[in-house]
Amino acid sequence: MLRATYDWTIRLAARPRAAHALAAVSFAESSFFPVPPDALLVPMVLARRQAAWRLAFICTVASVLGALAGYAIGAFLFEQVARPILTFYGYGGKFEEFAARYNEWGAWIVLIAGITPFPFKIITIASGATGLNLVIFVAASIVARGVRFYAVAGLLYWFGPPMRDFIERRLGLVFTLGLTLLLGGFALVRFVI
């Protein structure tokens, strides 16, 4: 089943409208959606290496726009929307304590969370809810998301064929490592916040 899903994703990544799906996932992941855009970015770059930089740009722009949506949720809809989202992810009760420390380290938190597998939506919503300076928030988001997506695209661009061979021969291992990183990001959030 994993092989069939991988093959389907590679075929989907080669379609002309795949960039729209990548933008939608990148936007949604920064504000409410749990699946990282890397799930589409990686197979898309592997399928079309020449488009790596354009795909990284799409991911970065859509992710920052999604981050602004998450910020707006935190700033304007905290009680109605953000608190239930934070509660869903297990952070509702710890939010007040987190908010007190957040603005002091906000730019660094956005940078670190934006680069790592840390759930970025938690940070975007928290930034809005705590009133983190919007200019600092946007600048840190652009840098963090740009570094993350351009690094992924660059590695796949430069080492694409060997990486694709490695992924395809060790698909189970790669899937397990990716899942471990994702779950580790959620676990890290639990202990940090």
Protein backbone atom coordinates (compact mmCIF):
# COMPACT_ATOMS: atom_id res chain seq x y z
CA MET A 1 0.00 0.00 0.00
CA LEU A 2 2.85 2.40 0.82
CA ARG A 3 4.41 1.79 -2.61
CA ALA A 4 1.08 2.44 -4.36
CA THR A 5 0.60 5.68 -2.41
CA TYR A 6 4.14 6.81 -3.23
CA ASP A 7 3.70 6.02 -6.94
CA TRP A 8 0.35 7.84 -6.97
CA THR A 9 1.93 10.91 -5.32
CA ILE A 10 4.78 10.94 -7.86
CA ARG A 11 2.25 10.77 -10.73
CA LEU A 12 0.14 13.50 -9.10
CA ALA A 13 3.24 15.67 -8.63
CA ALA A 14 3.91 15.63 -12.37
CA ARG A 15 0.45 17.01 -13.26
CA PRO A 16 0.09 20.65 -14.35
CA ARG A 17 -2.23 21.60 -11.45
CA ALA A 18 -0.01 20.05 -8.78
CA ALA A 19 1.42 23.50 -7.95
CA HIS A 20 -2.07 24.66 -6.93
CA ALA A 21 -2.41 21.73 -4.54
CA LEU A 22 1.06 22.47 -3.15
CA ALA A 23 0.10 26.11 -2.52
CA ALA A 24 -3.18 25.09 -0.87
CA VAL A 25 -1.47 22.58 1.46
CA SER A 26 1.31 25.07 2.28
CA PHE A 27 -1.25 27.76 3.13
CA ALA A 28 -3.44 25.45 5.20
CA GLU A 29 -0.54 23.86 7.10
CA SER A 30 0.53 27.23 8.47
CA SER A 31 -2.86 27.96 9.99
CA PHE A 32 -4.84 24.78 10.70
CA PHE A 33 -3.96 21.69 8.62
CA PRO A 34 -1.77 18.95 10.20
CA VAL A 35 -0.03 17.64 7.04
CA PRO A 36 3.25 19.40 6.16
CA PRO A 37 3.73 20.60 2.56
CA ASP A 38 6.89 18.49 2.33
CA ALA A 39 4.57 15.55 1.63
CA LEU A 40 3.90 17.16 -1.77
CA LEU A 41 7.07 19.20 -2.24
CA VAL A 42 9.42 16.21 -2.10
CA PRO A 43 7.68 14.09 -4.76
CA MET A 44 7.05 17.16 -6.92
CA VAL A 45 10.73 18.09 -6.98
CA LEU A 46 11.68 14.46 -7.56
CA ALA A 47 9.24 14.31 -10.48
CA ARG A 48 10.35 17.68 -11.97
CA ARG A 49 13.78 18.72 -10.71
CA GLN A 50 13.93 21.73 -13.06
CA ALA A 51 10.98 23.24 -11.17
CA ALA A 52 12.61 22.93 -7.72
CA TRP A 53 13.15 26.65 -7.10
CA ARG A 54 9.69 27.64 -8.36
CA LEU A 55 8.11 25.00 -6.12
CA ALA A 56 10.11 26.21 -3.10
CA PHE A 57 8.94 29.77 -3.87
CA ILE A 58 5.30 28.62 -4.07
CA CYS A 59 5.66 26.79 -0.74
CA THR A 60 7.28 29.79 0.92
CA VAL A 61 4.78 32.40 -0.28
CA ALA A 62 1.72 30.24 0.41
CA SER A 63 3.07 29.25 3.82
CA VAL A 64 3.68 32.87 4.85
CA LEU A 65 0.19 33.84 3.66
CA GLY A 66 -1.18 30.91 5.67
CA ALA A 67 0.87 32.09 8.63
CA LEU A 68 -0.87 35.46 8.36
CA ALA A 69 -4.22 33.63 8.41
CA GLY A 70 -3.09 31.78 11.55
CA TYR A 71 -2.00 35.09 13.07
CA ALA A 72 -5.44 36.54 12.28
CA ILE A 73 -7.14 33.53 13.89
CA GLY A 74 -5.11 34.13 17.04
CA ALA A 75 -5.62 37.89 17.02
CA PHE A 76 -9.30 38.15 16.11
CA LEU A 77 -10.87 34.76 16.73
CA PHE A 78 -8.95 33.39 19.68
CA GLU A 79 -11.88 32.35 21.85
CA GLN A 80 -14.10 31.19 18.99
CA VAL A 81 -11.54 29.41 16.78
CA ALA A 82 -8.00 29.40 18.20
CA ARG A 83 -8.73 28.09 21.69
CA PRO A 84 -10.57 25.01 20.31
CA ILE A 85 -7.67 24.39 17.84
CA LEU A 86 -5.11 24.69 20.64
CA THR A 87 -7.24 22.45 22.85
CA PHE A 88 -7.48 19.90 20.02
CA TYR A 89 -3.67 19.78 19.86
CA GLY A 90 -3.48 19.55 23.67
CA TYR A 91 -2.26 23.09 24.45
CA GLY A 92 -5.38 24.92 25.63
CA GLY A 93 -4.60 24.78 29.34
CA LYS A 94 -0.98 25.80 28.97
CA PHE A 95 -1.57 28.76 26.70
CA GLU A 96 -1.60 31.54 29.32
CA GLU A 97 1.75 30.47 30.71
CA PHE A 98 3.14 30.21 27.20
CA ALA A 99 1.78 33.65 26.19
CA ALA A 100 3.55 35.34 29.08
CA ARG A 101 6.97 34.17 27.83
CA TYR A 102 6.20 34.23 24.15
CA ASN A 103 6.70 37.82 23.14
CA GLU A 104 10.13 38.00 24.74
CA TRP A 105 11.41 35.23 22.46
CA GLY A 106 8.78 35.46 19.70
CA ALA A 107 11.07 36.09 16.72
CA TRP A 108 13.32 33.16 17.67
CA ILE A 109 10.35 30.91 18.30
CA VAL A 110 8.90 31.69 14.86
CA LEU A 111 12.31 31.09 13.24
CA ILE A 112 12.91 27.77 14.95
CA ALA A 113 9.36 26.47 14.50
CA GLY A 114 9.29 27.54 10.87
CA ILE A 115 12.37 25.53 9.98
CA THR A 116 11.75 22.38 12.04
CA PRO A 117 8.95 19.77 11.97
CA PHE A 118 7.38 21.70 14.87
CA PRO A 119 3.64 22.32 14.13
CA PHE A 120 3.90 25.84 12.68
CA LYS A 121 0.16 26.50 13.04
CA ILE A 122 0.54 26.56 16.83
CA ILE A 123 3.13 29.31 16.51
CA THR A 124 1.15 31.37 14.00
CA ILE A 125 -1.98 31.30 16.15
CA ALA A 126 0.01 32.01 19.32
CA SER A 127 1.74 34.94 17.61
CA GLY A 128 -1.61 36.54 16.85
CA ALA A 129 -3.10 35.74 20.24
CA THR A 130 -0.13 37.20 22.11
CA GLY A 131 0.14 40.23 19.83
CA LEU A 132 3.67 39.55 18.57
CA ASN A 133 4.82 42.49 16.46
CA LEU A 134 3.45 41.80 12.96
CA VAL A 135 6.57 43.00 11.12
CA ILE A 136 8.79 40.74 13.23
CA PHE A 137 6.37 37.86 12.72
CA VAL A 138 6.27 38.24 8.93
CA ALA A 139 10.04 38.69 8.61
CA ALA A 140 10.77 35.65 10.77
CA SER A 141 8.19 33.60 8.87
CA ILE A 142 9.68 34.52 5.48
CA VAL A 143 13.19 33.63 6.61
CA ALA A 144 12.20 30.40 8.37
CA ARG A 145 9.88 29.03 5.72
CA GLY A 146 12.22 30.12 2.93
CA VAL A 147 15.17 28.35 4.56
CA ARG A 148 13.13 25.20 5.10
CA PHE A 149 11.58 24.88 1.65
CA TYR A 150 14.59 26.08 -0.35
CA ALA A 151 16.83 23.67 1.59
CA VAL A 152 14.54 20.74 0.80
CA ALA A 153 14.24 21.78 -2.85
CA GLY A 154 18.00 22.40 -3.12
CA LEU A 155 18.97 19.04 -1.67
CA LEU A 156 16.55 17.29 -3.99
CA TYR A 157 17.70 19.36 -6.96
CA TRP A 158 21.39 18.65 -6.43
CA PHE A 159 21.06 15.06 -5.24
CA GLY A 160 17.74 14.21 -6.90
CA PRO A 161 18.37 10.95 -8.78
CA PRO A 162 20.40 9.29 -5.97
CA MET A 163 17.86 10.51 -3.37
CA ARG A 164 14.97 9.23 -5.46
CA ASP A 165 16.70 5.85 -5.80
CA PHE A 166 17.36 5.79 -2.03
CA ILE A 167 13.74 6.72 -1.25
CA GLU A 168 12.33 4.17 -3.66
CA ARG A 169 14.57 1.34 -2.43
CA ARG A 170 13.99 2.16 1.26
CA LEU A 171 10.48 3.56 1.15
CA GLY A 172 9.46 1.98 4.47
CA LEU A 173 12.49 3.41 6.26
CA VAL A 174 12.00 6.88 4.76
CA PHE A 175 8.30 6.83 5.69
CA THR A 176 9.12 5.74 9.25
CA LEU A 177 11.76 8.47 9.63
CA GLY A 178 9.40 11.13 8.26
CA LEU A 179 6.61 10.01 10.58
CA THR A 180 9.02 9.95 13.52
CA LEU A 181 10.11 13.53 12.77
CA LEU A 182 6.48 14.67 12.51
CA LEU A 183 5.48 12.99 15.77
CA GLY A 184 8.68 14.23 17.38
CA GLY A 185 7.68 17.78 16.45
CA PHE A 186 4.32 17.33 18.17
CA ALA A 187 6.02 15.79 21.22
CA LEU A 188 8.49 18.67 21.34
CA VAL A 189 5.60 21.11 21.39
CA ARG A 190 4.08 19.27 24.34
CA PHE A 191 7.26 19.61 26.39
CA VAL A 192 8.18 23.15 25.32
CA ILE A 193 4.77 24.74 25.76
